[in-house]
Amino acid sequence: MGSGSTRPNNADDKMIAALERGTQEVFKDRKPPKKVDIKFIKEKEARAEKVREKAAKLKALRLAAEKEDRAKK
């Protein structure tokens, strides 16, 4: 077995090797460039804020219930 130095190491080499084999449609880059979707990011932040607000309300409700329970005892 060789050292493996003849195998393609980066995406360009792999694409060229796929073209030479005639399997262009099979080639997929393992780490494609990230696409920034501003709308998706804003929606995700809005959902996270809703969850934080809901958690804060539930915490306040729980603390009020504990305080009321202590007052009864």
C-alpha atoms as a PDB file:
ATOM      1  CA  MET A   1       0.000   0.000   0.000  1.00  0.00           C
ATOM      2  CA  GLY A   2       1.173   3.497  -0.796  1.00  0.00           C
ATOM      3  CA  SER A   3       1.103   6.578   1.323  1.00  0.00           C
ATOM      4  CA  GLY A   4      -2.112   7.769  -0.282  1.00  0.00           C
ATOM      5  CA  SER A   5      -0.469  10.865  -1.699  1.00  0.00           C
ATOM      6  CA  THR A   6      -2.090  10.318  -5.102  1.00  0.00           C
ATOM      7  CA  ARG A   7      -5.612  10.574  -3.715  1.00  0.00           C
ATOM      8  CA  PRO A   8      -7.421  13.898  -4.075  1.00  0.00           C
ATOM      9  CA  ASN A   9      -7.229  15.911  -0.861  1.00  0.00           C
ATOM     10  CA  ASN A  10      -9.345  18.992  -1.437  1.00  0.00           C
ATOM     11  CA  ALA A  11     -12.711  19.703  -3.037  1.00  0.00           C
ATOM     12  CA  ASP A  12     -11.198  20.863  -6.341  1.00  0.00           C
ATOM     13  CA  ASP A  13      -9.079  17.737  -6.707  1.00  0.00           C
ATOM     14  CA  LYS A  14     -12.058  15.562  -5.847  1.00  0.00           C
ATOM     15  CA  MET A  15     -14.241  17.343  -8.409  1.00  0.00           C
ATOM     16  CA  ILE A  16     -11.593  16.908 -11.109  1.00  0.00           C
ATOM     17  CA  ALA A  17     -11.213  13.231 -10.210  1.00  0.00           C
ATOM     18  CA  ALA A  18     -15.007  12.809 -10.417  1.00  0.00           C
ATOM     19  CA  LEU A  19     -15.045  14.483 -13.839  1.00  0.00           C
ATOM     20  CA  GLU A  20     -12.296  12.162 -15.056  1.00  0.00           C
ATOM     21  CA  ARG A  21     -14.262   9.132 -13.844  1.00  0.00           C
ATOM     22  CA  GLY A  22     -17.361  10.490 -15.564  1.00  0.00           C
ATOM     23  CA  THR A  23     -19.362  10.677 -12.355  1.00  0.00           C
ATOM     24  CA  GLN A  24     -19.903  14.411 -12.169  1.00  0.00           C
ATOM     25  CA  GLU A  25     -23.478  14.138 -10.836  1.00  0.00           C
ATOM     26  CA  VAL A  26     -22.315  12.002  -7.901  1.00  0.00           C
ATOM     27  CA  PHE A  27     -19.748  14.532  -6.655  1.00  0.00           C
ATOM     28  CA  LYS A  28     -20.803  16.425  -3.530  1.00  0.00           C
ATOM     29  CA  ASP A  29     -18.612  18.697  -1.456  1.00  0.00           C
ATOM     30  CA  ARG A  30     -18.616  17.570   2.174  1.00  0.00           C
ATOM     31  CA  LYS A  31     -18.253  21.120   3.465  1.00  0.00           C
ATOM     32  CA  PRO A  32     -20.181  23.421   1.151  1.00  0.00           C
ATOM     33  CA  PRO A  33     -19.910  27.152   1.836  1.00  0.00           C
ATOM     34  CA  LYS A  34     -22.355  28.430   4.408  1.00  0.00           C
ATOM     35  CA  LYS A  35     -25.265  30.467   3.137  1.00  0.00           C
ATOM     36  CA  VAL A  36     -26.321  33.351   5.337  1.00  0.00           C
ATOM     37  CA  ASP A  37     -30.096  33.701   5.469  1.00  0.00           C
ATOM     38  CA  ILE A  38     -30.857  36.917   7.358  1.00  0.00           C
ATOM     39  CA  LYS A  39     -34.611  36.249   7.443  1.00  0.00           C
ATOM     40  CA  PHE A  40     -34.094  32.818   8.994  1.00  0.00           C
ATOM     41  CA  ILE A  41     -31.666  34.214  11.574  1.00  0.00           C
ATOM     42  CA  LYS A  42     -34.131  36.941  12.607  1.00  0.00           C
ATOM     43  CA  GLU A  43     -36.962  34.397  12.904  1.00  0.00           C
ATOM     44  CA  LYS A  44     -34.757  32.157  15.031  1.00  0.00           C
ATOM     45  CA  GLU A  45     -33.843  35.073  17.321  1.00  0.00           C
ATOM     46  CA  ALA A  46     -37.524  36.004  17.649  1.00  0.00           C
ATOM     47  CA  ARG A  47     -38.420  32.435  18.625  1.00  0.00           C
ATOM     48  CA  ALA A  48     -35.594  32.372  21.172  1.00  0.00           C
ATOM     49  CA  GLU A  49     -36.803  35.660  22.660  1.00  0.00           C
ATOM     50  CA  LYS A  50     -40.337  34.261  22.962  1.00  0.00           C
ATOM     51  CA  VAL A  51     -38.985  31.208  24.787  1.00  0.00           C
ATOM     52  CA  ARG A  52     -36.966  33.427  27.155  1.00  0.00           C
ATOM     53  CA  GLU A  53     -40.015  35.582  27.892  1.00  0.00           C
ATOM     54  CA  LYS A  54     -42.155  32.516  28.539  1.00  0.00           C
ATOM     55  CA  ALA A  55     -39.520  31.065  30.871  1.00  0.00           C
ATOM     56  CA  ALA A  56     -39.297  34.369  32.761  1.00  0.00           C
ATOM     57  CA  LYS A  57     -43.093  34.472  33.186  1.00  0.00           C
ATOM     58  CA  LEU A  58     -43.166  30.882  34.424  1.00  0.00           C
ATOM     59  CA  LYS A  59     -40.320  31.592  36.856  1.00  0.00           C
ATOM     60  CA  ALA A  60     -42.144  34.644  38.215  1.00  0.00           C
ATOM     61  CA  LEU A  61     -45.326  32.594  38.588  1.00  0.00           C
ATOM     62  CA  ARG A  62     -43.447  29.808  40.392  1.00  0.00           C
ATOM     63  CA  LEU A  63     -41.748  32.270  42.751  1.00  0.00           C
ATOM     64  CA  ALA A  64     -45.089  33.934  43.517  1.00  0.00           C
ATOM     65  CA  ALA A  65     -46.634  30.547  44.251  1.00  0.00           C
ATOM     66  CA  GLU A  66     -43.737  29.643  46.573  1.00  0.00           C
ATOM     67  CA  LYS A  67     -44.016  32.988  48.353  1.00  0.00           C
ATOM     68  CA  GLU A  68     -47.770  32.483  48.808  1.00  0.00           C
ATOM     69  CA  ASP A  69     -47.186  28.947  50.092  1.00  0.00           C
ATOM     70  CA  ARG A  70     -44.663  30.210  52.665  1.00  0.00           C
ATOM     71  CA  ALA A  71     -47.134  32.877  53.791  1.00  0.00           C
ATOM     72  CA  LYS A  72     -49.781  30.215  54.444  1.00  0.00           C
ATOM     73  CA  LYS A  73     -47.486  28.155  56.678  1.00  0.00           C
END
